[in-house]
Structure formats: structure tokens, C-alpha cells
Amino acid sequence: METDQKYIKDLTEIRSMMERSTKFLSLSGLSGIMAGIYALVGAYVAYRLFYVENDSVFYNSIDRQEINGDIINVLILAFVILVLAVGTAIYLSWKKSKKEGKKIWNTAARRVVINMAIPLVTGGIFILILLTKGLYGFLAPATLLFYGLALVNASKFTFEELRSLGIVQIILGLFASYFIGYGLLFWALGFGLMHIVYGIVMHLKYEK
């Protein structure tokens, strides 16, 4: 009986070692929380500056429209949020890797980046096409959809919980595609609230 238990324990340890060597496990839950906070702050700024004070309705239409100052400012704001979120994720993951005595850039990390890059690059090109066609109402849904696909695609090489976050993003993106006038709300829910929830879960489960 003891031999069987030892055998099962050894198999579990071997499986755990193999998983650690083939999966990128340096993602920090705190980076998810920070990304969510950045997104919520950005959504609030966009709402106050572009949707309330300027009475802008570009996000509420599926008709072709010309690029204006509001669109450019929203894109700049989104880029700033992206840089902050990615920068924070890299920094906190580097700190976690250093603490655990691991290299942040390894085979598993490359797999995650490559599998995320394929949907994200495709989505980026698609969003540029939407911009050239003046279909601004679909920008928020497109970012949610392709980001969700990227998370699902990369989840095979990191924490499984990333897949659930990706599926939620895809669902929110589909809803945002139908309810065009509420794109900013769904964007805030996906990139803001869901990231915070995901980050808290990951922090409590793996880092505390």
C-alpha cells in the first residue's frame, strides 16, 4: 500500500516538473489587477472627455464616418493604456521570475508570445481596416474579440485560468458587436473589471 502511494506521489511530482518546464508560470496576478485599473481609468477619462463634454456619438453608429480629433485622442489614450499594462506585466513577471530563480525569457515564454501574437496582429490589422472604413463603432468589440482569441490560444502554454478570461472577453466582444452604442461599457467590463477579478484570483491561488 505504501509502495503504491509513493509511486503515485512520484508520478505527481514528475508531472508537476514537466508542467513547470513546458509552461510559462511567471505571469503575475498583480499585473492583471493593474491592467484592469489602467483600463477602468482610461474608460472613465474617455467617457468624460469624449462622450460627455463633447457630446460625441461616433461610438454609437455603424455608418461610415470621417476621422476626427476625438477618434485620434481615443486611440492615443488606448495606446498609453496598452503601454502601461504591458510594461507593468513585463516588470512584475520579471520580478516573480527573479524571485523564483527562473529566466523570464525561455521556451515557454516564447510560445506564449507567439500564440498571442498571431490573433493580436491579425486583430490589429483588422482594426486598421475598420479605421480606414470609418466603422468606429466596431473598434471596441474587435479589441475584445481578438484579445480573447489571443488569450485562449496562449492558455495552452501558461495558467489554464487564462482560457476562462479569454472566453469571457470573446463573449463580451460579441455582445458589444450587437449593442454598438455600449462599446465603451463592454470594453471597461472586459479589460477593466474582468482583469481585476482574474488578477485577484491568480494572486490568491498562486502567489499568496
Protein backbone atom coordinates (compact mmCIF):
# COMPACT_ATOMS: atom_id res chain seq x y z
CA MET A 1 0.00 0.00 0.00
CA GLU A 2 2.80 2.41 0.95
CA THR A 3 4.62 1.50 -2.27
CA ASP A 4 1.55 2.42 -4.34
CA GLN A 5 1.19 5.75 -2.55
CA LYS A 6 4.88 6.53 -3.09
CA TYR A 7 4.53 5.63 -6.76
CA ILE A 8 1.53 7.94 -7.15
CA LYS A 9 3.38 10.73 -5.32
CA ASP A 10 6.41 10.31 -7.59
CA LEU A 11 4.22 10.46 -10.70
CA THR A 12 2.57 13.64 -9.42
CA GLU A 13 5.93 15.27 -8.80
CA ILE A 14 7.21 14.27 -12.24
CA ARG A 15 4.08 15.63 -13.87
CA SER A 16 4.45 18.89 -11.92
CA MET A 17 8.09 19.22 -13.00
CA MET A 18 7.19 18.62 -16.64
CA GLU A 19 4.41 21.21 -16.46
CA ARG A 20 6.76 23.81 -14.95
CA SER A 21 9.29 23.19 -17.71
CA THR A 22 6.80 23.45 -20.57
CA LYS A 23 4.51 26.24 -19.30
CA PHE A 24 5.18 29.90 -18.62
CA LEU A 25 4.23 30.28 -14.96
CA SER A 26 5.76 33.68 -14.23
CA LEU A 27 2.66 35.71 -15.03
CA SER A 28 1.81 37.87 -12.05
CA GLY A 29 -1.72 38.22 -10.74
CA LEU A 30 -0.89 41.76 -9.68
CA SER A 31 -0.22 42.68 -13.30
CA GLY A 32 -3.79 41.66 -14.14
CA ILE A 33 -5.11 43.86 -11.35
CA MET A 34 -3.02 46.82 -12.51
CA ALA A 35 -4.07 46.31 -16.14
CA GLY A 36 -7.69 46.36 -15.04
CA ILE A 37 -7.19 49.56 -13.06
CA TYR A 38 -5.48 51.24 -16.04
CA ALA A 39 -8.36 50.21 -18.29
CA LEU A 40 -11.04 51.50 -15.91
CA VAL A 41 -9.25 54.83 -15.50
CA GLY A 42 -8.87 55.08 -19.29
CA ALA A 43 -12.52 54.24 -19.87
CA TYR A 44 -13.57 56.91 -17.37
CA VAL A 45 -11.34 59.52 -19.00
CA ALA A 46 -12.65 58.61 -22.45
CA TYR A 47 -16.24 58.82 -21.24
CA ARG A 48 -15.79 62.18 -19.55
CA LEU A 49 -13.74 63.88 -22.24
CA PHE A 50 -15.12 62.46 -25.46
CA TYR A 51 -18.63 61.17 -24.76
CA VAL A 52 -19.98 63.66 -22.24
CA GLU A 53 -18.28 67.03 -22.65
CA ASN A 54 -18.09 66.85 -26.44
CA ASP A 55 -21.41 65.05 -26.85
CA SER A 56 -19.68 62.66 -29.24
CA VAL A 57 -21.75 59.97 -30.90
CA PHE A 58 -19.10 58.27 -33.06
CA TYR A 59 -19.17 55.18 -30.86
CA ASN A 60 -22.91 54.89 -31.37
CA SER A 61 -23.01 54.43 -35.12
CA ILE A 62 -22.34 51.72 -37.67
CA ASP A 63 -22.24 54.20 -40.57
CA ARG A 64 -19.00 55.31 -42.19
CA GLN A 65 -17.58 58.45 -40.58
CA GLU A 66 -14.53 60.63 -41.09
CA ILE A 67 -11.57 60.53 -38.71
CA ASN A 68 -11.78 63.44 -36.28
CA GLY A 69 -9.92 64.74 -33.25
CA ASP A 70 -11.94 62.64 -30.82
CA ILE A 71 -11.00 59.42 -32.59
CA ILE A 72 -7.31 60.30 -32.61
CA ASN A 73 -7.39 61.20 -28.91
CA VAL A 74 -9.16 57.95 -28.04
CA LEU A 75 -6.53 55.98 -29.97
CA ILE A 76 -3.73 57.81 -28.17
CA LEU A 77 -5.39 57.11 -24.82
CA ALA A 78 -5.77 53.41 -25.73
CA PHE A 79 -2.10 53.24 -26.74
CA VAL A 80 -1.00 54.76 -23.42
CA ILE A 81 -3.10 52.22 -21.52
CA LEU A 82 -1.61 49.39 -23.60
CA VAL A 83 1.96 50.53 -22.90
CA LEU A 84 1.27 50.84 -19.17
CA ALA A 85 -0.41 47.41 -18.98
CA VAL A 86 2.26 45.58 -21.00
CA GLY A 87 5.08 47.37 -19.19
CA THR A 88 3.65 46.51 -15.79
CA ALA A 89 3.10 42.87 -16.82
CA ILE A 90 6.70 42.52 -18.01
CA TYR A 91 8.12 44.18 -14.90
CA LEU A 92 6.07 42.16 -12.39
CA SER A 93 6.68 38.91 -14.28
CA TRP A 94 10.41 39.68 -14.28
CA LYS A 95 10.31 40.26 -10.52
CA LYS A 96 8.44 37.00 -9.99
CA SER A 97 10.88 35.07 -12.19
CA LYS A 98 13.85 36.59 -10.39
CA LYS A 99 12.37 35.69 -7.01
CA GLU A 100 11.87 32.08 -8.16
CA GLY A 101 15.32 31.90 -9.73
CA LYS A 102 14.00 31.45 -13.28
CA LYS A 103 14.63 33.14 -16.60
CA ILE A 104 11.67 35.20 -17.78
CA TRP A 105 12.51 34.66 -21.46
CA ASN A 106 12.53 30.91 -22.07
CA THR A 107 10.94 28.43 -24.46
CA ALA A 108 7.58 28.56 -22.68
CA ALA A 109 7.56 32.37 -22.74
CA ARG A 110 8.31 32.39 -26.47
CA ARG A 111 5.41 30.01 -27.09
CA VAL A 112 3.05 32.27 -25.15
CA VAL A 113 4.19 35.36 -27.05
CA ILE A 114 3.95 33.67 -30.47
CA ASN A 115 0.50 32.21 -29.80
CA MET A 116 -0.78 35.55 -28.53
CA ALA A 117 0.84 37.48 -31.37
CA ILE A 118 -0.99 35.66 -34.17
CA PRO A 119 -4.55 36.73 -33.15
CA LEU A 120 -3.34 40.12 -31.88
CA VAL A 121 -1.52 41.05 -35.09
CA THR A 122 -4.49 39.86 -37.13
CA GLY A 123 -6.81 41.88 -34.90
CA GLY A 124 -4.58 44.93 -35.19
CA ILE A 125 -4.72 44.78 -39.00
CA PHE A 126 -8.49 44.29 -38.88
CA ILE A 127 -8.86 47.32 -36.58
CA LEU A 128 -6.79 49.42 -39.01
CA ILE A 129 -9.18 48.36 -41.76
CA LEU A 130 -12.14 49.41 -39.61
CA LEU A 131 -10.45 52.77 -39.06
CA THR A 132 -9.90 53.35 -42.78
CA LYS A 133 -13.54 52.49 -43.43
CA GLY A 134 -14.76 54.80 -40.67
CA LEU A 135 -16.51 51.97 -38.81
CA TYR A 136 -15.59 53.22 -35.34
CA GLY A 137 -18.50 51.53 -33.59
CA PHE A 138 -16.81 48.15 -34.08
CA LEU A 139 -13.41 49.11 -32.66
CA ALA A 140 -14.19 48.18 -29.04
CA PRO A 141 -15.85 44.87 -29.99
CA ALA A 142 -12.91 43.95 -32.24
CA THR A 143 -10.35 44.57 -29.50
CA LEU A 144 -12.29 42.34 -27.10
CA LEU A 145 -12.79 39.55 -29.65
CA PHE A 146 -9.21 39.30 -30.86
CA TYR A 147 -7.76 39.76 -27.40
CA GLY A 148 -9.99 36.95 -26.15
CA LEU A 149 -8.86 34.70 -29.00
CA ALA A 150 -5.23 35.51 -28.16
CA LEU A 151 -5.73 34.54 -24.51
CA VAL A 152 -7.43 31.26 -25.40
CA ASN A 153 -4.68 30.47 -27.90
CA ALA A 154 -1.90 31.18 -25.39
CA SER A 155 -3.55 29.45 -22.44
CA LYS A 156 -2.13 26.09 -23.56
CA PHE A 157 1.32 27.29 -22.53
CA THR A 158 0.58 29.05 -19.25
CA PHE A 159 -2.05 29.06 -16.50
CA GLU A 160 -5.32 27.38 -17.52
CA GLU A 161 -7.30 30.23 -15.95
CA LEU A 162 -6.21 32.41 -18.86
CA ARG A 163 -8.53 30.41 -21.10
CA SER A 164 -11.56 31.34 -18.98
CA LEU A 165 -10.59 35.02 -19.13
CA GLY A 166 -10.29 34.73 -22.91
CA ILE A 167 -13.71 33.16 -23.28
CA VAL A 168 -15.26 35.94 -21.19
CA GLN A 169 -13.58 38.55 -23.41
CA ILE A 170 -14.95 36.88 -26.55
CA ILE A 171 -18.48 36.80 -25.11
CA LEU A 172 -18.28 40.47 -24.15
CA GLY A 173 -16.95 41.28 -27.62
CA LEU A 174 -19.92 39.56 -29.23
CA PHE A 175 -22.35 41.47 -27.02
CA ALA A 176 -20.51 44.71 -27.81
CA SER A 177 -20.85 43.93 -31.54
CA TYR A 178 -24.62 43.72 -31.15
CA PHE A 179 -25.09 46.62 -28.72
CA ILE A 180 -22.94 49.09 -30.67
CA GLY A 181 -23.76 52.11 -28.50
CA TYR A 182 -22.39 50.40 -25.41
CA GLY A 183 -18.94 49.50 -26.74
CA LEU A 184 -17.11 51.52 -24.09
CA LEU A 185 -19.10 49.85 -21.31
CA PHE A 186 -18.29 46.34 -22.54
CA TRP A 187 -14.66 47.38 -23.08
CA ALA A 188 -14.46 48.58 -19.47
CA LEU A 189 -16.03 45.34 -18.25
CA GLY A 190 -13.65 43.18 -20.28
CA PHE A 191 -10.33 44.97 -19.97
CA GLY A 192 -11.12 46.57 -16.62
CA LEU A 193 -13.31 44.56 -14.28
CA MET A 194 -12.51 41.10 -15.65
CA HIS A 195 -8.76 41.73 -15.45
CA ILE A 196 -9.08 42.80 -11.83
CA VAL A 197 -11.14 39.70 -10.96
CA TYR A 198 -8.69 37.47 -12.83
CA GLY A 199 -5.72 39.10 -11.14
CA ILE A 200 -7.19 38.69 -7.66
CA VAL A 201 -7.98 35.02 -8.30
CA MET A 202 -4.48 34.34 -9.63
CA HIS A 203 -2.80 36.20 -6.78
CA LEU A 204 -4.76 34.38 -4.09
CA LYS A 205 -4.36 30.98 -5.78
CA TYR A 206 -0.71 31.02 -6.81
CA GLU A 207 1.14 33.88 -5.13
CA LYS A 208 -0.18 34.27 -1.60
